[in-house]
């Protein structure tokens, strides 16, 4: 699934592709990052699938690529776009990318630098 959008004067190209994970056990991390039991059940049933998300942001003539892997989303294609939208909102993905661009600053220096008095 590919689509483009513009947000806060930055152009975004998003690509969502299904990850090639067929064994749910591969999604288990260490004991501090375990998935809830209900989530594991939904993965085993095939109701949740792992996806990789690539976001290319473009401002003026510069591009940056951002990547997230193993995002758990629905297997229902008709609900996928809406669920991805919720994920982007909940995780503040686009806002974090905008903040990343803003860190670069302008002719007076980076945004994080204290103003000179």
C-alpha atoms as a PDB file:
ATOM      1  CA  UNK A   1       0.000   0.000   0.000  1.00  0.00           C
ATOM      2  CA  UNK A   2       1.498   3.333  -1.071  1.00  0.00           C
ATOM      3  CA  UNK A   3       0.136   6.829  -0.678  1.00  0.00           C
ATOM      4  CA  UNK A   4       1.247  10.426  -0.353  1.00  0.00           C
ATOM      5  CA  UNK A   5       0.136  13.292   1.828  1.00  0.00           C
ATOM      6  CA  UNK A   6       1.282  16.717   2.958  1.00  0.00           C
ATOM      7  CA  UNK A   7       1.451  17.732   6.615  1.00  0.00           C
ATOM      8  CA  UNK A   8       2.842  20.988   8.033  1.00  0.00           C
ATOM      9  CA  UNK A   9       4.415  21.916   4.678  1.00  0.00           C
ATOM     10  CA  UNK A  10       6.325  18.634   4.439  1.00  0.00           C
ATOM     11  CA  UNK A  11       5.498  16.121   1.713  1.00  0.00           C
ATOM     12  CA  UNK A  12       5.228  12.493   2.882  1.00  0.00           C
ATOM     13  CA  UNK A  13       5.313   9.299   0.838  1.00  0.00           C
ATOM     14  CA  UNK A  14       4.274   6.252   2.885  1.00  0.00           C
ATOM     15  CA  UNK A  15       4.783   2.632   1.925  1.00  0.00           C
ATOM     16  CA  UNK A  16       3.285  -0.149   4.021  1.00  0.00           C
ATOM     17  CA  UNK A  17       4.254  -3.714   3.216  1.00  0.00           C
ATOM     18  CA  UNK A  18       3.590  -6.955   4.967  1.00  0.00           C
ATOM     19  CA  UNK A  19       6.615  -8.266   6.860  1.00  0.00           C
ATOM     20  CA  UNK A  20       7.677 -11.792   6.020  1.00  0.00           C
ATOM     21  CA  UNK A  21       7.199 -13.074   9.554  1.00  0.00           C
ATOM     22  CA  UNK A  22       5.262 -16.326   9.661  1.00  0.00           C
ATOM     23  CA  UNK A  23       6.285 -17.461  13.166  1.00  0.00           C
ATOM     24  CA  UNK A  24       4.615 -15.411  15.911  1.00  0.00           C
ATOM     25  CA  UNK A  25       7.423 -16.373  18.284  1.00  0.00           C
ATOM     26  CA  UNK A  26       9.744 -14.123  16.292  1.00  0.00           C
ATOM     27  CA  UNK A  27       7.712 -11.133  17.484  1.00  0.00           C
ATOM     28  CA  UNK A  28       8.465 -11.954  21.101  1.00  0.00           C
ATOM     29  CA  UNK A  29      11.287  -9.892  22.499  1.00  0.00           C
ATOM     30  CA  UNK A  30      12.838 -10.308  25.913  1.00  0.00           C
ATOM     31  CA  UNK A  31      10.852 -10.694  29.132  1.00  0.00           C
ATOM     32  CA  UNK A  32      10.498  -6.908  29.412  1.00  0.00           C
ATOM     33  CA  UNK A  33       8.894  -6.467  26.002  1.00  0.00           C
ATOM     34  CA  UNK A  34       6.361  -9.272  25.788  1.00  0.00           C
ATOM     35  CA  UNK A  35       3.181  -8.921  23.826  1.00  0.00           C
ATOM     36  CA  UNK A  36      -0.088  -9.324  25.732  1.00  0.00           C
ATOM     37  CA  UNK A  37      -1.631 -12.798  25.559  1.00  0.00           C
ATOM     38  CA  UNK A  38      -4.665 -11.540  23.612  1.00  0.00           C
ATOM     39  CA  UNK A  39      -2.371  -9.966  21.022  1.00  0.00           C
ATOM     40  CA  UNK A  40      -0.480 -13.244  20.625  1.00  0.00           C
ATOM     41  CA  UNK A  41      -3.780 -15.096  20.176  1.00  0.00           C
ATOM     42  CA  UNK A  42      -4.836 -12.637  17.433  1.00  0.00           C
ATOM     43  CA  UNK A  43      -1.460 -13.069  15.711  1.00  0.00           C
ATOM     44  CA  UNK A  44      -1.727 -16.861  15.831  1.00  0.00           C
ATOM     45  CA  UNK A  45      -5.272 -16.693  14.427  1.00  0.00           C
ATOM     46  CA  UNK A  46      -3.969 -14.490  11.602  1.00  0.00           C
ATOM     47  CA  UNK A  47      -6.131 -11.512  12.577  1.00  0.00           C
ATOM     48  CA  UNK A  48      -3.055  -9.342  13.202  1.00  0.00           C
ATOM     49  CA  UNK A  49      -0.137  -9.198  10.805  1.00  0.00           C
ATOM     50  CA  UNK A  50       3.279  -7.579  11.049  1.00  0.00           C
ATOM     51  CA  UNK A  51       3.961  -4.759   8.589  1.00  0.00           C
ATOM     52  CA  UNK A  52       6.957  -2.595   7.756  1.00  0.00           C
ATOM     53  CA  UNK A  53       6.381   1.109   7.266  1.00  0.00           C
ATOM     54  CA  UNK A  54       8.700   3.311   5.241  1.00  0.00           C
ATOM     55  CA  UNK A  55       8.075   7.052   5.268  1.00  0.00           C
ATOM     56  CA  UNK A  56       9.984   9.356   2.946  1.00  0.00           C
ATOM     57  CA  UNK A  57       9.661  12.981   3.984  1.00  0.00           C
ATOM     58  CA  UNK A  58      10.562  15.770   1.595  1.00  0.00           C
ATOM     59  CA  UNK A  59      11.108  19.440   2.359  1.00  0.00           C
ATOM     60  CA  UNK A  60      12.239  21.665  -0.492  1.00  0.00           C
ATOM     61  CA  UNK A  61      14.908  19.611  -2.302  1.00  0.00           C
ATOM     62  CA  UNK A  62      15.931  17.399   0.619  1.00  0.00           C
ATOM     63  CA  UNK A  63      14.579  13.932   1.442  1.00  0.00           C
ATOM     64  CA  UNK A  64      14.813  11.797   4.549  1.00  0.00           C
ATOM     65  CA  UNK A  65      13.781   8.174   4.928  1.00  0.00           C
ATOM     66  CA  UNK A  66      12.253   6.842   8.139  1.00  0.00           C
ATOM     67  CA  UNK A  67      11.556   3.163   8.840  1.00  0.00           C
ATOM     68  CA  UNK A  68       9.437   1.215  11.353  1.00  0.00           C
ATOM     69  CA  UNK A  69       9.302  -2.568  11.394  1.00  0.00           C
ATOM     70  CA  UNK A  70       6.902  -5.182  12.734  1.00  0.00           C
ATOM     71  CA  UNK A  71       3.926  -2.893  13.254  1.00  0.00           C
ATOM     72  CA  UNK A  72       0.943  -5.049  14.181  1.00  0.00           C
ATOM     73  CA  UNK A  73      -2.145  -4.155  12.164  1.00  0.00           C
ATOM     74  CA  UNK A  74      -5.297  -5.869  10.931  1.00  0.00           C
ATOM     75  CA  UNK A  75      -5.303  -8.477   8.190  1.00  0.00           C
ATOM     76  CA  UNK A  76      -8.478  -6.924   6.707  1.00  0.00           C
ATOM     77  CA  UNK A  77      -7.491  -4.840   3.717  1.00  0.00           C
ATOM     78  CA  UNK A  78     -10.631  -2.676   3.917  1.00  0.00           C
ATOM     79  CA  UNK A  79      -9.725  -1.629   7.499  1.00  0.00           C
ATOM     80  CA  UNK A  80      -5.969  -1.338   7.031  1.00  0.00           C
ATOM     81  CA  UNK A  81      -5.775   2.310   5.953  1.00  0.00           C
ATOM     82  CA  UNK A  82      -7.935   3.472   8.866  1.00  0.00           C
ATOM     83  CA  UNK A  83      -5.942   1.396  11.343  1.00  0.00           C
ATOM     84  CA  UNK A  84      -2.668   2.757   9.959  1.00  0.00           C
ATOM     85  CA  UNK A  85      -4.053   6.278  10.419  1.00  0.00           C
ATOM     86  CA  UNK A  86      -4.780   5.504  14.080  1.00  0.00           C
ATOM     87  CA  UNK A  87      -1.272   4.111  14.494  1.00  0.00           C
ATOM     88  CA  UNK A  88       0.296   7.218  12.943  1.00  0.00           C
ATOM     89  CA  UNK A  89      -1.759   9.440  15.280  1.00  0.00           C
ATOM     90  CA  UNK A  90      -1.202   7.401  18.451  1.00  0.00           C
ATOM     91  CA  UNK A  91       2.555   7.152  17.908  1.00  0.00           C
ATOM     92  CA  UNK A  92       2.862  10.783  16.682  1.00  0.00           C
ATOM     93  CA  UNK A  93       4.848   9.534  13.696  1.00  0.00           C
ATOM     94  CA  UNK A  94       4.347  12.529  11.409  1.00  0.00           C
ATOM     95  CA  UNK A  95       4.819  15.050  14.232  1.00  0.00           C
ATOM     96  CA  UNK A  96       8.097  13.405  15.236  1.00  0.00           C
ATOM     97  CA  UNK A  97       9.313  13.616  11.654  1.00  0.00           C
ATOM     98  CA  UNK A  98       8.309  17.305  11.511  1.00  0.00           C
ATOM     99  CA  UNK A  99      10.203  17.869  14.784  1.00  0.00           C
ATOM    100  CA  UNK A 100      13.212  16.138  13.262  1.00  0.00           C
ATOM    101  CA  UNK A 101      13.135  18.571  10.346  1.00  0.00           C
ATOM    102  CA  UNK A 102      12.747  21.518  12.737  1.00  0.00           C
ATOM    103  CA  UNK A 103      15.871  20.518  14.671  1.00  0.00           C
ATOM    104  CA  UNK A 104      17.921  21.501  11.655  1.00  0.00           C
ATOM    105  CA  UNK A 105      16.990  25.133  12.180  1.00  0.00           C
ATOM    106  CA  UNK A 106      17.543  28.012   9.817  1.00  0.00           C
ATOM    107  CA  UNK A 107      20.085  30.776   9.149  1.00  0.00           C
ATOM    108  CA  UNK A 108      20.142  31.724  12.858  1.00  0.00           C
ATOM    109  CA  UNK A 109      21.119  28.199  13.896  1.00  0.00           C
ATOM    110  CA  UNK A 110      19.398  25.016  15.008  1.00  0.00           C
ATOM    111  CA  UNK A 111      16.040  25.207  16.760  1.00  0.00           C
ATOM    112  CA  UNK A 112      17.426  23.663  19.956  1.00  0.00           C
ATOM    113  CA  UNK A 113      20.102  26.352  20.341  1.00  0.00           C
ATOM    114  CA  UNK A 114      19.415  29.056  22.927  1.00  0.00           C
ATOM    115  CA  UNK A 115      18.956  32.472  21.325  1.00  0.00           C
ATOM    116  CA  UNK A 116      21.943  34.801  21.569  1.00  0.00           C
ATOM    117  CA  UNK A 117      21.304  37.933  23.588  1.00  0.00           C
END
